[in-house]
PDB file of N, CA and C in Angstrom:
ATOM      1  N   MET A   1      -4.065 135.090  38.074  1.00  0.00           N
ATOM      2  CA  MET A   1      -4.378 133.739  38.410  1.00  0.00           C
ATOM      3  C   MET A   1      -3.428 132.808  37.673  1.00  0.00           C
ATOM      4  N   ASP A   2      -2.847 131.951  38.439  1.00  0.00           N
ATOM      5  CA  ASP A   2      -1.886 131.022  37.866  1.00  0.00           C
ATOM      6  C   ASP A   2      -2.579 129.713  37.544  1.00  0.00           C
ATOM      7  N   ARG A   3      -2.491 129.272  36.301  1.00  0.00           N
ATOM      8  CA  ARG A   3      -3.177 128.038  35.904  1.00  0.00           C
ATOM      9  C   ARG A   3      -2.219 126.856  35.781  1.00  0.00           C
ATOM     10  N   THR A   4      -1.137 126.859  36.334  1.00  0.00           N
ATOM     11  CA  THR A   4      -0.198 125.751  36.251  1.00  0.00           C
ATOM     12  C   THR A   4      -0.534 124.704  37.277  1.00  0.00           C
ATOM     13  N   THR A   5      -0.359 123.475  36.881  1.00  0.00           N
ATOM     14  CA  THR A   5      -0.620 122.379  37.799  1.00  0.00           C
ATOM     15  C   THR A   5       0.703 121.722  38.117  1.00  0.00           C
ATOM     16  N   PRO A   6       0.847 121.236  39.296  1.00  0.00           N
ATOM     17  CA  PRO A   6       2.119 120.573  39.637  1.00  0.00           C
ATOM     18  C   PRO A   6       2.282 119.283  38.831  1.00  0.00           C
ATOM     19  N   LEU A   7       3.502 119.057  38.318  1.00  0.00           N
ATOM     20  CA  LEU A   7       3.815 117.862  37.528  1.00  0.00           C
ATOM     21  C   LEU A   7       4.188 116.710  38.449  1.00  0.00           C
ATOM     22  N   SER A   8       3.700 115.556  38.106  1.00  0.00           N
ATOM     23  CA  SER A   8       4.008 114.359  38.873  1.00  0.00           C
ATOM     24  C   SER A   8       5.344 113.798  38.389  1.00  0.00           C
ATOM     25  N   THR A   9       6.127 113.216  39.254  1.00  0.00           N
ATOM     26  CA  THR A   9       7.420 112.663  38.869  1.00  0.00           C
ATOM     27  C   THR A   9       7.280 111.284  38.247  1.00  0.00           C
ATOM     28  N   THR A  10       6.239 110.541  38.540  1.00  0.00           N
ATOM     29  CA  THR A  10       6.005 109.237  37.931  1.00  0.00           C
ATOM     30  C   THR A  10       4.646 109.246  37.278  1.00  0.00           C
ATOM     31  N   PRO A  11       4.551 108.659  36.099  1.00  0.00           N
ATOM     32  CA  PRO A  11       3.237 108.592  35.459  1.00  0.00           C
ATOM     33  C   PRO A  11       2.307 107.731  36.279  1.00  0.00           C
ATOM     34  N   SER A  12       1.034 108.000  36.201  1.00  0.00           N
ATOM     35  CA  SER A  12       0.065 107.287  37.017  1.00  0.00           C
ATOM     36  C   SER A  12      -0.255 105.898  36.476  1.00  0.00           C
ATOM     37  N   ASN A  13       0.055 105.610  35.182  1.00  0.00           N
ATOM     38  CA  ASN A  13      -0.317 104.316  34.625  1.00  0.00           C
ATOM     39  C   ASN A  13       0.810 103.291  34.664  1.00  0.00           C
ATOM     40  N   THR A  14       1.990 103.610  35.127  1.00  0.00           N
ATOM     41  CA  THR A  14       3.075 102.632  35.224  1.00  0.00           C
ATOM     42  C   THR A  14       3.223 102.190  36.653  1.00  0.00           C
ATOM     43  N   ASN A  15       3.572 100.958  36.811  1.00  0.00           N
ATOM     44  CA  ASN A  15       3.740 100.392  38.128  1.00  0.00           C
ATOM     45  C   ASN A  15       5.189  99.962  38.251  1.00  0.00           C
ATOM     46  N   PRO A  16       5.956 100.475  39.180  1.00  0.00           N
ATOM     47  CA  PRO A  16       7.362 100.106  39.290  1.00  0.00           C
ATOM     48  C   PRO A  16       7.570  98.649  39.687  1.00  0.00           C
ATOM     49  N   ASN A  17       6.607  98.000  40.296  1.00  0.00           N
ATOM     50  CA  ASN A  17       6.723  96.602  40.691  1.00  0.00           C
ATOM     51  C   ASN A  17       5.908  95.754  39.711  1.00  0.00           C
ATOM     52  N   PRO A  18       6.569  94.991  38.816  1.00  0.00           N
ATOM     53  CA  PRO A  18       5.811  94.218  37.820  1.00  0.00           C
ATOM     54  C   PRO A  18       4.999  93.088  38.428  1.00  0.00           C
ATOM     55  N   ASN A  19       5.329  92.624  39.586  1.00  0.00           N
ATOM     56  CA  ASN A  19       4.590  91.527  40.200  1.00  0.00           C
ATOM     57  C   ASN A  19       3.185  91.944  40.620  1.00  0.00           C
ATOM     58  N   THR A  20       2.963  93.229  40.822  1.00  0.00           N
ATOM     59  CA  THR A  20       1.639  93.683  41.229  1.00  0.00           C
ATOM     60  C   THR A  20       0.813  94.123  40.038  1.00  0.00           C
ATOM     61  N   ASN A  21       1.369  94.060  38.845  1.00  0.00           N
ATOM     62  CA  ASN A  21       0.660  94.434  37.621  1.00  0.00           C
ATOM     63  C   ASN A  21      -0.398  93.372  37.331  1.00  0.00           C
ATOM     64  N   PRO A  22      -1.648  93.762  37.061  1.00  0.00           N
ATOM     65  CA  PRO A  22      -2.682  92.762  36.804  1.00  0.00           C
ATOM     66  C   PRO A  22      -2.428  91.964  35.533  1.00  0.00           C
ATOM     67  N   ALA A  23      -1.661  92.456  34.592  1.00  0.00           N
ATOM     68  CA  ALA A  23      -1.388  91.721  33.352  1.00  0.00           C
ATOM     69  C   ALA A  23      -0.256  90.726  33.538  1.00  0.00           C
ATOM     70  N   SER A  24       0.501  90.836  34.610  1.00  0.00           N
ATOM     71  CA  SER A  24       1.659  89.984  34.842  1.00  0.00           C
ATOM     72  C   SER A  24       1.324  88.497  34.875  1.00  0.00           C
ATOM     73  N   PRO A  25       0.275  88.020  35.541  1.00  0.00           N
ATOM     74  CA  PRO A  25      -0.035  86.588  35.514  1.00  0.00           C
ATOM     75  C   PRO A  25      -0.341  86.098  34.098  1.00  0.00           C
ATOM     76  N   ARG A  26      -1.004  86.913  33.316  1.00  0.00           N
ATOM     77  CA  ARG A  26      -1.286  86.511  31.932  1.00  0.00           C
ATOM     78  C   ARG A  26       0.011  86.390  31.128  1.00  0.00           C
ATOM     79  N   ILE A  27       0.901  87.328  31.338  1.00  0.00           N
ATOM     80  CA  ILE A  27       2.185  87.290  30.625  1.00  0.00           C
ATOM     81  C   ILE A  27       2.968  86.057  31.047  1.00  0.00           C
ATOM     82  N   GLU A  28       2.972  85.764  32.327  1.00  0.00           N
ATOM     83  CA  GLU A  28       3.663  84.573  32.818  1.00  0.00           C
ATOM     84  C   GLU A  28       3.064  83.302  32.208  1.00  0.00           C
ATOM     85  N   THR A  29       1.740  83.234  32.120  1.00  0.00           N
ATOM     86  CA  THR A  29       1.077  82.071  31.540  1.00  0.00           C
ATOM     87  C   THR A  29       1.449  81.915  30.069  1.00  0.00           C
ATOM     88  N   VAL A  30       1.432  83.015  29.348  1.00  0.00           N
ATOM     89  CA  VAL A  30       1.808  82.977  27.925  1.00  0.00           C
ATOM     90  C   VAL A  30       3.264  82.562  27.777  1.00  0.00           C
ATOM     91  N   ALA A  31       4.136  83.084  28.627  1.00  0.00           N
ATOM     92  CA  ALA A  31       5.555  82.736  28.566  1.00  0.00           C
ATOM     93  C   ALA A  31       5.768  81.256  28.856  1.00  0.00           C
ATOM     94  N   GLN A  32       5.049  80.733  29.879  1.00  0.00           N
ATOM     95  CA  GLN A  32       5.182  79.316  30.202  1.00  0.00           C
ATOM     96  C   GLN A  32       4.664  78.449  29.062  1.00  0.00           C
ATOM     97  N   THR A  33       3.558  78.856  28.449  1.00  0.00           N
ATOM     98  CA  THR A  33       3.019  78.114  27.313  1.00  0.00           C
ATOM     99  C   THR A  33       4.010  78.127  26.153  1.00  0.00           C
ATOM    100  N   ALA A  34       4.600  79.284  25.915  1.00  0.00           N
ATOM    101  CA  ALA A  34       5.598  79.385  24.844  1.00  0.00           C
ATOM    102  C   ALA A  34       6.788  78.478  25.129  1.00  0.00           C
ATOM    103  N   HIS A  35       7.230  78.451  26.382  1.00  0.00           N
ATOM    104  CA  HIS A  35       8.336  77.564  26.760  1.00  0.00           C
ATOM    105  C   HIS A  35       7.964  76.096  26.523  1.00  0.00           C
ATOM    106  N   LYS A  36       6.757  75.727  26.890  1.00  0.00           N
ATOM    107  CA  LYS A  36       6.317  74.343  26.685  1.00  0.00           C
ATOM    108  C   LYS A  36       6.272  73.997  25.202  1.00  0.00           C
ATOM    109  N   VAL A  37       5.782  74.914  24.392  1.00  0.00           N
ATOM    110  CA  VAL A  37       5.713  74.673  22.945  1.00  0.00           C
ATOM    111  C   VAL A  37       7.115  74.516  22.371  1.00  0.00           C
ATOM    112  N   VAL A  38       8.020  75.391  22.796  1.00  0.00           N
ATOM    113  CA  VAL A  38       9.403  75.297  22.322  1.00  0.00           C
ATOM    114  C   VAL A  38      10.026  73.969  22.741  1.00  0.00           C
ATOM    115  N   ASP A  39       9.798  73.550  23.990  1.00  0.00           N
ATOM    116  CA  ASP A  39      10.332  72.274  24.455  1.00  0.00           C
ATOM    117  C   ASP A  39       9.750  71.100  23.660  1.00  0.00           C
ATOM    118  N   THR A  40       8.460  71.135  23.382  1.00  0.00           N
ATOM    119  CA  THR A  40       7.819  70.070  22.614  1.00  0.00           C
ATOM    120  C   THR A  40       8.390  69.999  21.205  1.00  0.00           C
ATOM    121  N   VAL A  41       8.523  71.149  20.569  1.00  0.00           N
ATOM    122  CA  VAL A  41       9.080  71.187  19.211  1.00  0.00           C
ATOM    123  C   VAL A  41      10.525  70.696  19.219  1.00  0.00           C
ATOM    124  N   ALA A  42      11.283  71.106  20.228  1.00  0.00           N
ATOM    125  CA  ALA A  42      12.678  70.668  20.324  1.00  0.00           C
ATOM    126  C   ALA A  42      12.757  69.156  20.507  1.00  0.00           C
ATOM    127  N   ASP A  43      11.885  68.600  21.343  1.00  0.00           N
ATOM    128  CA  ASP A  43      11.876  67.145  21.543  1.00  0.00           C
ATOM    129  C   ASP A  43      11.538  66.409  20.258  1.00  0.00           C
ATOM    130  N   LYS A  44      10.515  66.899  19.552  1.00  0.00           N
ATOM    131  CA  LYS A  44      10.128  66.247  18.296  1.00  0.00           C
ATOM    132  C   LYS A  44      11.233  66.379  17.257  1.00  0.00           C
ATOM    133  N   THR A  45      11.855  67.540  17.201  1.00  0.00           N
ATOM    134  CA  THR A  45      12.937  67.753  16.246  1.00  0.00           C
ATOM    135  C   THR A  45      14.111  66.849  16.558  1.00  0.00           C
ATOM    136  N   THR A  46      14.438  66.722  17.828  1.00  0.00           N
ATOM    137  CA  THR A  46      15.541  65.851  18.228  1.00  0.00           C
ATOM    138  C   THR A  46      15.247  64.404  17.837  1.00  0.00           C
ATOM    139  N   ALA A  47      14.035  63.959  18.053  1.00  0.00           N
ATOM    140  CA  ALA A  47      13.664  62.592  17.675  1.00  0.00           C
ATOM    141  C   ALA A  47      13.780  62.401  16.166  1.00  0.00           C
ATOM    142  N   GLN A  48      13.326  63.383  15.411  1.00  0.00           N
ATOM    143  CA  GLN A  48      13.403  63.282  13.947  1.00  0.00           C
ATOM    144  C   GLN A  48      14.854  63.271  13.485  1.00  0.00           C
ATOM    145  N   VAL A  49      15.685  64.112  14.063  1.00  0.00           N
ATOM    146  CA  VAL A  49      17.106  64.151  13.697  1.00  0.00           C
ATOM    147  C   VAL A  49      17.760  62.815  14.048  1.00  0.00           C
ATOM    148  N   ASP A  50      17.399  62.247  15.188  1.00  0.00           N
ATOM    149  CA  ASP A  50      17.947  60.937  15.562  1.00  0.00           C
ATOM    150  C   ASP A  50      17.551  59.873  14.545  1.00  0.00           C
ATOM    151  N   ARG A  51      16.276  59.892  14.117  1.00  0.00           N
ATOM    152  CA  ARG A  51      15.825  58.930  13.114  1.00  0.00           C
ATOM    153  C   ARG A  51      16.565  59.116  11.798  1.00  0.00           C
ATOM    154  N   LEU A  52      16.708  60.360  11.371  1.00  0.00           N
ATOM    155  CA  LEU A  52      17.413  60.630  10.118  1.00  0.00           C
ATOM    156  C   LEU A  52      18.881  60.223  10.209  1.00  0.00           C
ATOM    157  N   SER A  53      19.481  60.486  11.348  1.00  0.00           N
ATOM    158  CA  SER A  53      20.871  60.103  11.559  1.00  0.00           C
ATOM    159  C   SER A  53      21.025  58.591  11.497  1.00  0.00           C
ATOM    160  N   SER A  54      20.110  57.884  12.113  1.00  0.00           N
ATOM    161  CA  SER A  54      20.145  56.422  12.095  1.00  0.00           C
ATOM    162  C   SER A  54      19.989  55.891  10.667  1.00  0.00           C
ATOM    163  N   THR A  55      19.069  56.481   9.922  1.00  0.00           N
ATOM    164  CA  THR A  55      18.861  56.070   8.535  1.00  0.00           C
ATOM    165  C   THR A  55      20.111  56.333   7.698  1.00  0.00           C
ATOM    166  N   ALA A  56      20.726  57.482   7.910  1.00  0.00           N
ATOM    167  CA  ALA A  56      21.949  57.814   7.159  1.00  0.00           C
ATOM    168  C   ALA A  56      23.073  56.840   7.506  1.00  0.00           C
ATOM    169  N   HIS A  57      23.197  56.476   8.783  1.00  0.00           N
ATOM    170  CA  HIS A  57      24.229  55.515   9.182  1.00  0.00           C
ATOM    171  C   HIS A  57      23.996  54.151   8.521  1.00  0.00           C
ATOM    172  N   ARG A  58      22.751  53.713   8.471  1.00  0.00           N
ATOM    173  CA  ARG A  58      22.458  52.429   7.821  1.00  0.00           C
ATOM    174  C   ARG A  58      22.796  52.487   6.337  1.00  0.00           C
ATOM    175  N   ALA A  59      22.472  53.595   5.688  1.00  0.00           N
ATOM    176  CA  ALA A  59      22.769  53.742   4.256  1.00  0.00           C
ATOM    177  C   ALA A  59      24.271  53.717   4.014  1.00  0.00           C
ATOM    178  N   VAL A  60      25.023  54.391   4.863  1.00  0.00           N
ATOM    179  CA  VAL A  60      26.485  54.397   4.721  1.00  0.00           C
ATOM    180  C   VAL A  60      27.038  52.993   4.943  1.00  0.00           C
ATOM    181  N   ASP A  61      26.519  52.289   5.935  1.00  0.00           N
ATOM    182  CA  ASP A  61      26.980  50.923   6.196  1.00  0.00           C
ATOM    183  C   ASP A  61      26.700  50.003   5.013  1.00  0.00           C
ATOM    184  N   LYS A  62      25.498  50.108   4.430  1.00  0.00           N
ATOM    185  CA  LYS A  62      25.165  49.279   3.261  1.00  0.00           C
ATOM    186  C   LYS A  62      26.065  49.614   2.086  1.00  0.00           C
ATOM    187  N   THR A  63      26.304  50.897   1.868  1.00  0.00           N
ATOM    188  CA  THR A  63      27.163  51.317   0.758  1.00  0.00           C
ATOM    189  C   THR A  63      28.582  50.821   0.963  1.00  0.00           C
ATOM    190  N   ALA A  64      29.077  50.919   2.176  1.00  0.00           N
ATOM    191  CA  ALA A  64      30.430  50.441   2.465  1.00  0.00           C
ATOM    192  C   ALA A  64      30.523  48.930   2.244  1.00  0.00           C
ATOM    193  N   GLY A  65      29.497  48.199   2.646  1.00  0.00           N
ATOM    194  CA  GLY A  65      29.492  46.749   2.420  1.00  0.00           C
ATOM    195  C   GLY A  65      29.485  46.405   0.942  1.00  0.00           C
ATOM    196  N   ALA A  66      28.663  47.122   0.174  1.00  0.00           N
ATOM    197  CA  ALA A  66      28.614  46.881  -1.269  1.00  0.00           C
ATOM    198  C   ALA A  66      29.944  47.238  -1.925  1.00  0.00           C
ATOM    199  N   ALA A  67      30.558  48.329  -1.491  1.00  0.00           N
ATOM    200  CA  ALA A  67      31.851  48.727  -2.058  1.00  0.00           C
ATOM    201  C   ALA A  67      32.929  47.702  -1.729  1.00  0.00           C
ATOM    202  N   THR A  68      32.882  47.144  -0.535  1.00  0.00           N
ATOM    203  CA  THR A  68      33.851  46.119  -0.155  1.00  0.00           C
ATOM    204  C   THR A  68      33.684  44.869  -1.007  1.00  0.00           C
ATOM    205  N   GLN A  69      32.427  44.460  -1.230  1.00  0.00           N
ATOM    206  CA  GLN A  69      32.183  43.297  -2.092  1.00  0.00           C
ATOM    207  C   GLN A  69      32.650  43.561  -3.516  1.00  0.00           C
ATOM    208  N   ALA A  70      32.366  44.754  -4.037  1.00  0.00           N
ATOM    209  CA  ALA A  70      32.773  45.087  -5.399  1.00  0.00           C
ATOM    210  C   ALA A  70      34.293  45.116  -5.516  1.00  0.00           C
ATOM    211  N   ALA A  71      34.963  45.642  -4.496  1.00  0.00           N
ATOM    212  CA  ALA A  71      36.425  45.673  -4.521  1.00  0.00           C
ATOM    213  C   ALA A  71      37.001  44.256  -4.483  1.00  0.00           C
ATOM    214  N   GLY A  72      36.389  43.399  -3.690  1.00  0.00           N
ATOM    215  CA  GLY A  72      36.841  42.003  -3.650  1.00  0.00           C
ATOM    216  C   GLY A  72      36.655  41.303  -4.985  1.00  0.00           C
ATOM    217  N   TRP A  73      35.499  41.551  -5.617  1.00  0.00           N
ATOM    218  CA  TRP A  73      35.243  40.956  -6.933  1.00  0.00           C
ATOM    219  C   TRP A  73      36.221  41.506  -7.967  1.00  0.00           C
ATOM    220  N   ALA A  74      36.454  42.815  -7.936  1.00  0.00           N
ATOM    221  CA  ALA A  74      37.353  43.429  -8.915  1.00  0.00           C
ATOM    222  C   ALA A  74      38.790  42.957  -8.726  1.00  0.00           C
ATOM    223  N   SER A  75      39.173  42.652  -7.503  1.00  0.00           N
ATOM    224  CA  SER A  75      40.542  42.192  -7.274  1.00  0.00           C
ATOM    225  C   SER A  75      40.771  40.792  -7.841  1.00  0.00           C
ATOM    226  N   THR A  76      39.726  40.026  -8.062  1.00  0.00           N
ATOM    227  CA  THR A  76      39.887  38.687  -8.648  1.00  0.00           C
ATOM    228  C   THR A  76      39.917  38.722 -10.174  1.00  0.00           C
ATOM    229  N   LEU A  77      39.523  39.846 -10.783  1.00  0.00           N
ATOM    230  CA  LEU A  77      39.480  39.921 -12.248  1.00  0.00           C
ATOM    231  C   LEU A  77      40.842  39.716 -12.913  1.00  0.00           C
ATOM    232  N   PRO A  78      41.916  40.330 -12.439  1.00  0.00           N
ATOM    233  CA  PRO A  78      43.202  40.081 -13.104  1.00  0.00           C
ATOM    234  C   PRO A  78      43.598  38.602 -13.072  1.00  0.00           C
ATOM    235  N   ASP A  79      43.350  37.939 -11.961  1.00  0.00           N
ATOM    236  CA  ASP A  79      43.672  36.509 -11.878  1.00  0.00           C
ATOM    237  C   ASP A  79      42.833  35.701 -12.867  1.00  0.00           C
ATOM    238  N   GLN A  80      41.533  36.033 -12.955  1.00  0.00           N
ATOM    239  CA  GLN A  80      40.671  35.328 -13.903  1.00  0.00           C
ATOM    240  C   GLN A  80      41.108  35.582 -15.342  1.00  0.00           C
ATOM    241  N   ALA A  81      41.516  36.815 -15.645  1.00  0.00           N
ATOM    242  CA  ALA A  81      41.978  37.131 -17.004  1.00  0.00           C
ATOM    243  C   ALA A  81      43.255  36.365 -17.336  1.00  0.00           C
ATOM    244  N   MET A  82      44.151  36.259 -16.379  1.00  0.00           N
ATOM    245  CA  MET A  82      45.391  35.500 -16.606  1.00  0.00           C
ATOM    246  C   MET A  82      45.088  34.022 -16.846  1.00  0.00           C
ATOM    247  N   GLU A  83      44.148  33.479 -16.077  1.00  0.00           N
ATOM    248  CA  GLU A  83      43.768  32.072 -16.271  1.00  0.00           C
ATOM    249  C   GLU A  83      43.139  31.864 -17.650  1.00  0.00           C
ATOM    250  N   ALA A  84      42.287  32.779 -18.079  1.00  0.00           N
ATOM    251  CA  ALA A  84      41.651  32.658 -19.394  1.00  0.00           C
ATOM    252  C   ALA A  84      42.700  32.762 -20.494  1.00  0.00           C
ATOM    253  N   GLN A  85      43.650  33.676 -20.335  1.00  0.00           N
ATOM    254  CA  GLN A  85      44.704  33.822 -21.335  1.00  0.00           C
ATOM    255  C   GLN A  85      45.557  32.553 -21.411  1.00  0.00           C
ATOM    256  N   THR A  86      45.871  31.980 -20.265  1.00  0.00           N
ATOM    257  CA  THR A  86      46.670  30.752 -20.235  1.00  0.00           C
ATOM    258  C   THR A  86      45.930  29.605 -20.919  1.00  0.00           C
ATOM    259  N   ARG A  87      44.618  29.453 -20.622  1.00  0.00           N
ATOM    260  CA  ARG A  87      43.830  28.384 -21.262  1.00  0.00           C
ATOM    261  C   ARG A  87      43.756  28.577 -22.772  1.00  0.00           C
ATOM    262  N   LEU A  88      43.543  29.828 -23.213  1.00  0.00           N
ATOM    263  CA  LEU A  88      43.456  30.102 -24.648  1.00  0.00           C
ATOM    264  C   LEU A  88      44.788  29.829 -25.338  1.00  0.00           C
ATOM    265  N   THR A  89      45.879  30.242 -24.715  1.00  0.00           N
ATOM    266  CA  THR A  89      47.207  29.999 -25.296  1.00  0.00           C
ATOM    267  C   THR A  89      47.476  28.497 -25.414  1.00  0.00           C
ATOM    268  N   GLU A  90      47.163  27.753 -24.392  1.00  0.00           N
ATOM    269  CA  GLU A  90      47.374  26.301 -24.429  1.00  0.00           C
ATOM    270  C   GLU A  90      46.507  25.657 -25.509  1.00  0.00           C
ATOM    271  N   SER A  91      45.283  26.112 -25.652  1.00  0.00           N
ATOM    272  CA  SER A  91      44.379  25.569 -26.668  1.00  0.00           C
ATOM    273  C   SER A  91      44.901  25.851 -28.068  1.00  0.00           C
ATOM    274  N   VAL A  92      45.365  27.083 -28.303  1.00  0.00           N
ATOM    275  CA  VAL A  92      45.896  27.442 -29.632  1.00  0.00           C
ATOM    276  C   VAL A  92      47.158  26.634 -29.921  1.00  0.00           C
ATOM    277  N   CYS A  93      48.043  26.504 -28.930  1.00  0.00           N
ATOM    278  CA  CYS A  93      49.274  25.734 -29.125  1.00  0.00           C
ATOM    279  C   CYS A  93      48.961  24.272 -29.447  1.00  0.00           C
ATOM    280  N   THR A  94      48.001  23.707 -28.780  1.00  0.00           N
ATOM    281  CA  THR A  94      47.603  22.324 -29.037  1.00  0.00           C
ATOM    282  C   THR A  94      47.052  22.184 -30.453  1.00  0.00           C
ATOM    283  N   SER A  95      46.252  23.129 -30.890  1.00  0.00           N
ATOM    284  CA  SER A  95      45.678  23.090 -32.237  1.00  0.00           C
ATOM    285  C   SER A  95      46.763  23.229 -33.299  1.00  0.00           C
ATOM    286  N   ILE A  96      47.736  24.117 -33.082  1.00  0.00           N
ATOM    287  CA  ILE A  96      48.828  24.308 -34.064  1.00  0.00           C
ATOM    288  C   ILE A  96      49.686  23.058 -34.135  1.00  0.00           C
ATOM    289  N   ARG A  97      49.970  22.436 -33.007  1.00  0.00           N
ATOM    290  CA  ARG A  97      50.779  21.214 -33.010  1.00  0.00           C
ATOM    291  C   ARG A  97      50.051  20.062 -33.714  1.00  0.00           C
ATOM    292  N   ALA A  98      48.737  20.026 -33.588  1.00  0.00           N
ATOM    293  CA  ALA A  98      47.967  18.938 -34.197  1.00  0.00           C
ATOM    294  C   ALA A  98      47.938  19.081 -35.718  1.00  0.00           C
ATOM    295  N   ARG A  99      47.814  20.315 -36.253  1.00  0.00           N
ATOM    296  CA  ARG A  99      47.746  20.529 -37.709  1.00  0.00           C
ATOM    297  C   ARG A  99      48.590  21.737 -38.111  1.00  0.00           C
ATOM    298  N   PRO A 100      49.898  21.598 -38.176  1.00  0.00           N
ATOM    299  CA  PRO A 100      50.752  22.755 -38.467  1.00  0.00           C
ATOM    300  C   PRO A 100      50.590  23.283 -39.899  1.00  0.00           C
ATOM    301  N   ILE A 101      50.454  22.410 -40.875  1.00  0.00           N
ATOM    302  CA  ILE A 101      50.346  22.849 -42.268  1.00  0.00           C
ATOM    303  C   ILE A 101      49.020  23.580 -42.484  1.00  0.00           C
ATOM    304  N   ALA A 102      47.942  23.078 -41.936  1.00  0.00           N
ATOM    305  CA  ALA A 102      46.640  23.727 -42.084  1.00  0.00           C
ATOM    306  C   ALA A 102      46.648  25.094 -41.385  1.00  0.00           C
ATOM    307  N   THR A 103      47.331  25.213 -40.287  1.00  0.00           N
ATOM    308  CA  THR A 103      47.404  26.489 -39.570  1.00  0.00           C
ATOM    309  C   THR A 103      48.170  27.519 -40.381  1.00  0.00           C
ATOM    310  N   VAL A 104      49.318  27.122 -40.953  1.00  0.00           N
ATOM    311  CA  VAL A 104      50.110  28.056 -41.768  1.00  0.00           C
ATOM    312  C   VAL A 104      49.317  28.455 -43.010  1.00  0.00           C
ATOM    313  N   ALA A 105      48.654  27.492 -43.671  1.00  0.00           N
ATOM    314  CA  ALA A 105      47.852  27.805 -44.865  1.00  0.00           C
ATOM    315  C   ALA A 105      46.709  28.764 -44.497  1.00  0.00           C
ATOM    316  N   GLY A 106      46.064  28.530 -43.399  1.00  0.00           N
ATOM    317  CA  GLY A 106      44.979  29.417 -42.951  1.00  0.00           C
ATOM    318  C   GLY A 106      45.502  30.822 -42.662  1.00  0.00           C
ATOM    319  N   ALA A 107      46.659  30.925 -42.053  1.00  0.00           N
ATOM    320  CA  ALA A 107      47.249  32.236 -41.763  1.00  0.00           C
ATOM    321  C   ALA A 107      47.572  32.974 -43.054  1.00  0.00           C
ATOM    322  N   LEU A 108      48.091  32.237 -44.077  1.00  0.00           N
ATOM    323  CA  LEU A 108      48.395  32.863 -45.361  1.00  0.00           C
ATOM    324  C   LEU A 108      47.123  33.377 -46.040  1.00  0.00           C
ATOM    325  N   VAL A 109      46.057  32.592 -46.023  1.00  0.00           N
ATOM    326  CA  VAL A 109      44.794  33.003 -46.645  1.00  0.00           C
ATOM    327  C   VAL A 109      44.238  34.240 -45.936  1.00  0.00           C
ATOM    328  N   ILE A 110      44.252  34.234 -44.625  1.00  0.00           N
ATOM    329  CA  ILE A 110      43.738  35.380 -43.866  1.00  0.00           C
ATOM    330  C   ILE A 110      44.588  36.619 -44.152  1.00  0.00           C
ATOM    331  N   GLY A 111      45.901  36.483 -44.204  1.00  0.00           N
ATOM    332  CA  GLY A 111      46.788  37.607 -44.510  1.00  0.00           C
ATOM    333  C   GLY A 111      46.507  38.167 -45.900  1.00  0.00           C
ATOM    334  N   TYR A 112      46.304  37.276 -46.890  1.00  0.00           N
ATOM    335  CA  TYR A 112      46.010  37.711 -48.267  1.00  0.00           C
ATOM    336  C   TYR A 112      44.699  38.510 -48.299  1.00  0.00           C
ATOM    337  N   LEU A 113      43.653  37.991 -47.617  1.00  0.00           N
ATOM    338  CA  LEU A 113      42.353  38.678 -47.597  1.00  0.00           C
ATOM    339  C   LEU A 113      42.434  40.053 -46.926  1.00  0.00           C
ATOM    340  N   ILE A 114      43.156  40.137 -45.842  1.00  0.00           N
ATOM    341  CA  ILE A 114      43.310  41.411 -45.155  1.00  0.00           C
ATOM    342  C   ILE A 114      44.064  42.411 -46.051  1.00  0.00           C
ATOM    343  N   GLY A 115      45.081  41.908 -46.778  1.00  0.00           N
ATOM    344  CA  GLY A 115      45.809  42.783 -47.709  1.00  0.00           C
ATOM    345  C   GLY A 115      44.912  43.298 -48.824  1.00  0.00           C
ATOM    346  N   ARG A 116      44.046  42.443 -49.369  1.00  0.00           N
ATOM    347  CA  ARG A 116      43.120  42.864 -50.441  1.00  0.00           C
ATOM    348  C   ARG A 116      42.128  43.905 -49.905  1.00  0.00           C
ATOM    349  N   ILE A 117      41.636  43.689 -48.708  1.00  0.00           N
ATOM    350  CA  ILE A 117      40.664  44.639 -48.120  1.00  0.00           C
ATOM    351  C   ILE A 117      41.343  45.985 -47.851  1.00  0.00           C
ATOM    352  N   ALA A 118      42.612  45.948 -47.459  1.00  0.00           N
ATOM    353  CA  ALA A 118      43.337  47.176 -47.162  1.00  0.00           C
ATOM    354  C   ALA A 118      43.578  48.008 -48.417  1.00  0.00           C
ATOM    355  N   ARG A 119      43.690  47.371 -49.596  1.00  0.00           N
ATOM    356  CA  ARG A 119      43.916  48.100 -50.845  1.00  0.00           C
ATOM    357  C   ARG A 119      42.681  48.842 -51.324  1.00  0.00           C
ATOM    358  N   LEU A 120      41.518  48.418 -50.918  1.00  0.00           N
ATOM    359  CA  LEU A 120      40.283  49.059 -51.372  1.00  0.00           C
ATOM    360  C   LEU A 120      40.083  50.382 -50.793  1.00  0.00           C
TER     361      LEU A 120
END
């Protein structure tokens, strides 16, 4: 007695046509839901990136404006220093011309004091 059974070429639990599979509509629904979630997240992320980009652009613009103002202010410093030096020189010259002997005597006293301090 032969106890062998004929082998089937296709398993009985697989279906070659996925559209007729009873789980297929559920898979499609899950896939569509996943697509919607991904699209929603992408939209929200894009909006957030746009907001962050806008904020960064405003910060760069403010910084550039402040740097331009600082550069303009710094460029006037040499002129202001020259004007201050000129005023001080004119003031000292006027004072020396008004009292030349007192200026020379004061310079001698200051020189003597500095020499004494240097010896210590």
